[in-house]
N, C-alpha and C. Protein backbone atom coordinates (compact mmCIF):
# COMPACT_ATOMS: atom_id res chain seq x y z
N MET A 1 1.26 10.43 -8.39
CA MET A 1 2.45 10.51 -8.57
C MET A 1 3.92 11.18 -8.65
N THR A 2 3.31 12.59 -8.90
CA THR A 2 3.63 13.14 -9.61
C THR A 2 5.58 13.76 -9.32
N ASP A 3 5.17 13.32 -7.50
CA ASP A 3 6.46 13.71 -6.70
C ASP A 3 7.39 12.38 -6.60
N SER A 4 6.52 11.51 -7.39
CA SER A 4 7.57 9.96 -7.15
C SER A 4 9.32 9.86 -7.54
N LYS A 5 9.40 9.29 -6.54
CA LYS A 5 11.29 9.26 -7.30
C LYS A 5 11.77 7.92 -8.23
N PHE A 6 9.70 7.42 -8.56
CA PHE A 6 9.86 6.57 -9.08
C PHE A 6 8.61 6.83 -10.42
N LYS A 7 8.99 6.42 -11.58
CA LYS A 7 8.19 6.13 -12.50
C LYS A 7 7.99 4.85 -13.09
N PRO A 8 6.84 5.34 -13.92
CA PRO A 8 6.91 3.66 -14.52
C PRO A 8 7.89 3.00 -15.56
N ASP A 9 8.56 3.58 -16.07
CA ASP A 9 9.62 2.70 -16.91
C ASP A 9 10.71 2.84 -15.63
N THR A 10 10.74 2.86 -14.34
CA THR A 10 11.93 2.74 -13.63
C THR A 10 12.03 1.17 -13.40
N THR A 11 13.48 0.67 -13.74
CA THR A 11 13.23 -1.29 -13.57
C THR A 11 12.62 -1.22 -12.15
N VAL A 12 13.06 -2.16 -12.04
CA VAL A 12 12.61 -3.05 -10.16
C VAL A 12 13.93 -2.81 -10.20
N ARG A 13 15.24 -3.87 -10.68
CA ARG A 13 16.60 -4.05 -10.02
C ARG A 13 17.50 -2.25 -9.68
N SER A 14 16.73 -1.29 -10.30
CA SER A 14 17.75 -0.36 -10.24
C SER A 14 16.54 0.21 -8.92
N VAL A 15 15.13 0.28 -8.09
CA VAL A 15 14.41 0.21 -7.78
C VAL A 15 15.21 -0.08 -6.58
N LEU A 16 15.55 -1.63 -5.83
CA LEU A 16 16.30 -1.92 -5.35
C LEU A 16 16.90 -2.13 -4.98
N ALA A 17 18.23 -1.53 -5.40
CA ALA A 17 19.14 -0.96 -5.60
C ALA A 17 19.40 -0.14 -4.72
N ASP A 18 18.78 0.98 -5.34
CA ASP A 18 19.08 2.36 -4.11
C ASP A 18 17.88 2.31 -3.31
N HIS A 19 16.81 1.40 -3.17
CA HIS A 19 16.18 1.78 -1.91
C HIS A 19 15.67 0.14 -1.59
N PRO A 20 16.61 -0.81 -0.47
CA PRO A 20 15.65 -1.96 -0.90
C PRO A 20 15.13 -1.90 0.58
N GLU A 21 14.87 -1.15 1.02
CA GLU A 21 13.77 -1.29 2.42
C GLU A 21 12.76 -1.59 1.54
N VAL A 22 12.47 -0.82 0.31
CA VAL A 22 10.91 -1.59 -0.28
C VAL A 22 10.11 -2.47 -0.45
N PHE A 23 11.78 -3.56 -0.76
CA PHE A 23 11.25 -5.09 -0.46
C PHE A 23 10.41 -5.53 -0.73
N SER A 24 9.56 -5.33 0.05
CA SER A 24 8.26 -6.20 0.69
C SER A 24 6.60 -5.23 -0.03
N VAL A 25 7.47 -4.70 -0.74
CA VAL A 25 5.81 -3.78 -1.78
C VAL A 25 6.14 -5.05 -2.65
N PHE A 26 7.41 -5.51 -3.14
CA PHE A 26 6.83 -6.66 -4.59
C PHE A 26 6.85 -7.47 -3.77
N THR A 27 7.30 -8.31 -2.75
CA THR A 27 6.80 -9.29 -1.62
C THR A 27 5.05 -8.99 -2.02
N SER A 28 4.59 -8.20 -1.72
CA SER A 28 3.34 -8.04 -1.19
C SER A 28 2.29 -8.19 -2.68
N HIS A 29 2.81 -7.82 -4.25
CA HIS A 29 2.60 -7.99 -4.79
C HIS A 29 2.99 -8.92 -5.86
N GLY A 30 3.45 -10.17 -4.91
CA GLY A 30 3.99 -11.59 -5.60
C GLY A 30 5.09 -12.01 -6.24
N MET A 31 6.01 -10.75 -5.91
CA MET A 31 7.01 -11.89 -6.91
C MET A 31 7.26 -12.14 -6.47
N CYS A 32 8.07 -13.84 -6.92
CA CYS A 32 8.77 -14.18 -7.24
C CYS A 32 9.49 -14.97 -6.38
N GLU A 33 10.01 -16.26 -5.65
CA GLU A 33 11.50 -16.12 -5.23
C GLU A 33 12.52 -15.92 -6.87
N ASP A 34 12.46 -16.39 -7.65
CA ASP A 34 13.48 -16.35 -8.80
C ASP A 34 13.73 -14.67 -8.96
N CYS A 35 12.26 -13.81 -8.78
CA CYS A 35 12.88 -12.22 -9.01
C CYS A 35 13.20 -12.50 -7.60
N ALA A 36 12.70 -11.94 -6.68
CA ALA A 36 13.43 -11.49 -5.50
C ALA A 36 15.37 -11.76 -5.25
N ALA A 37 15.62 -12.73 -5.80
CA ALA A 37 16.85 -13.39 -5.27
C ALA A 37 18.05 -12.39 -6.48
N ASP A 38 17.26 -12.05 -7.78
CA ASP A 38 17.96 -11.36 -8.87
C ASP A 38 17.06 -10.57 -9.58
N PRO A 39 16.64 -9.24 -9.05
CA PRO A 39 15.66 -8.06 -9.74
C PRO A 39 15.40 -8.47 -10.94
N PRO A 40 15.28 -8.34 -12.05
CA PRO A 40 14.96 -8.00 -13.34
C PRO A 40 15.03 -7.05 -13.73
N SER A 41 15.68 -6.79 -14.79
CA SER A 41 15.39 -5.20 -15.03
C SER A 41 14.84 -5.12 -16.07
N LEU A 42 13.85 -4.98 -15.58
CA LEU A 42 11.99 -4.81 -16.15
C LEU A 42 11.78 -3.47 -15.82
N PRO A 43 11.18 -2.46 -16.35
CA PRO A 43 9.99 -1.55 -15.93
C PRO A 43 8.94 -1.57 -14.57
N LEU A 44 8.27 -1.23 -14.31
CA LEU A 44 7.91 -1.13 -13.00
C LEU A 44 6.29 -1.47 -13.85
N ALA A 45 6.12 -0.83 -14.84
CA ALA A 45 5.08 -0.95 -15.55
C ALA A 45 5.11 -2.34 -15.79
N TYR A 46 5.81 -3.26 -16.34
CA TYR A 46 6.17 -4.31 -17.01
C TYR A 46 5.40 -5.23 -15.23
N PHE A 47 6.14 -5.13 -14.43
CA PHE A 47 5.78 -5.56 -12.84
C PHE A 47 4.35 -6.04 -12.71
N ALA A 48 4.55 -4.32 -12.93
CA ALA A 48 1.80 -4.05 -12.20
C ALA A 48 1.85 -4.96 -13.47
N ASP A 49 2.27 -4.53 -14.39
CA ASP A 49 0.56 -5.42 -15.92
C ASP A 49 1.14 -7.04 -15.41
N ARG A 50 2.21 -7.61 -15.12
CA ARG A 50 2.17 -8.86 -15.03
C ARG A 50 1.70 -9.39 -13.12
N HIS A 51 1.55 -8.50 -12.92
CA HIS A 51 0.72 -9.02 -10.91
C HIS A 51 -0.74 -8.59 -10.65
N ASN A 52 -0.77 -7.98 -12.15
CA ASN A 52 -2.40 -7.30 -12.15
C ASN A 52 -2.82 -6.03 -10.74
N VAL A 53 -2.03 -5.35 -10.91
CA VAL A 53 -1.71 -4.70 -10.13
C VAL A 53 -1.28 -3.19 -10.84
N PRO A 54 -2.63 -1.35 -10.41
CA PRO A 54 -2.68 -0.52 -11.62
C PRO A 54 -0.98 -0.28 -10.70
N VAL A 55 -0.60 0.82 -12.18
CA VAL A 55 1.25 1.19 -11.82
C VAL A 55 0.51 2.08 -10.62
N ALA A 56 -0.10 3.00 -11.01
CA ALA A 56 -0.01 3.96 -9.89
C ALA A 56 -0.49 3.59 -8.99
N ALA A 57 -0.56 2.48 -8.26
CA ALA A 57 -1.04 1.72 -6.72
C ALA A 57 -0.13 1.05 -7.06
N LEU A 58 1.21 0.35 -7.42
CA LEU A 58 2.45 -0.22 -6.92
C LEU A 58 3.17 1.13 -6.79
N ILE A 59 3.52 1.92 -7.43
CA ILE A 59 3.84 3.71 -7.50
C ILE A 59 3.51 4.60 -5.83
N ALA A 60 2.50 4.74 -6.12
CA ALA A 60 2.11 4.81 -4.65
C ALA A 60 2.74 4.01 -3.21
N ASP A 61 1.99 2.96 -3.29
CA ASP A 61 2.73 1.56 -2.34
C ASP A 61 4.37 1.51 -2.28
N LEU A 62 5.62 2.00 -2.96
CA LEU A 62 6.28 2.48 -2.87
C LEU A 62 7.05 3.33 -2.04
N ASP A 63 6.13 4.37 -2.99
CA ASP A 63 6.49 6.28 -1.86
C ASP A 63 6.16 5.94 -0.53
N ARG A 64 5.22 5.28 -0.29
CA ARG A 64 4.25 4.92 0.89
C ARG A 64 5.30 4.59 1.77
N CYS A 65 6.51 3.36 1.80
CA CYS A 65 6.75 2.41 2.24
C CYS A 65 8.11 2.93 1.41
N LEU A 66 8.59 3.38 1.69
CA LEU A 66 9.91 4.44 1.16
C LEU A 66 9.40 5.43 2.66
N ALA A 67 8.75 7.02 2.64
CA ALA A 67 8.26 7.28 3.48
C ALA A 67 8.64 6.68 4.90
N ASP A 68 7.62 6.37 5.42
CA ASP A 68 7.79 5.28 6.43
C ASP A 68 9.32 4.68 6.19
N ALA A 69 9.99 4.18 5.85
CA ALA A 69 11.50 3.84 6.19
C ALA A 69 12.29 5.34 6.39
N GLN A 70 12.06 5.77 6.33
CA GLN A 70 12.45 6.96 6.15
C GLN A 70 12.18 8.64 6.83
N GLY A 71 11.22 7.10 7.75
CA GLY A 71 10.48 8.07 8.85
C GLY A 71 9.16 9.43 8.73
N GLY A 72 9.25 9.44 7.20
CA GLY A 72 8.69 10.47 7.15
C GLY A 72 6.57 10.00 6.78
N GLY A 73 6.53 8.85 7.58
CA GLY A 73 5.05 8.32 6.80
C GLY A 73 4.43 7.78 8.09
């Protein structure tokens, strides 16, 4: 997680505003329709806790998805 663009305190809203291509990561971890329509200004750590996924795993998934989208994965 050291080289990640994403940190536990990065908000879901800012991640999706900057990198909409990672939206599928959030839905795969159970993002509800309301949050998908209006992403919350809550930290990734909170999202991960609420969806029973380790924050490090969520961030790794986001990194992988972003790398794939940018042709690096």
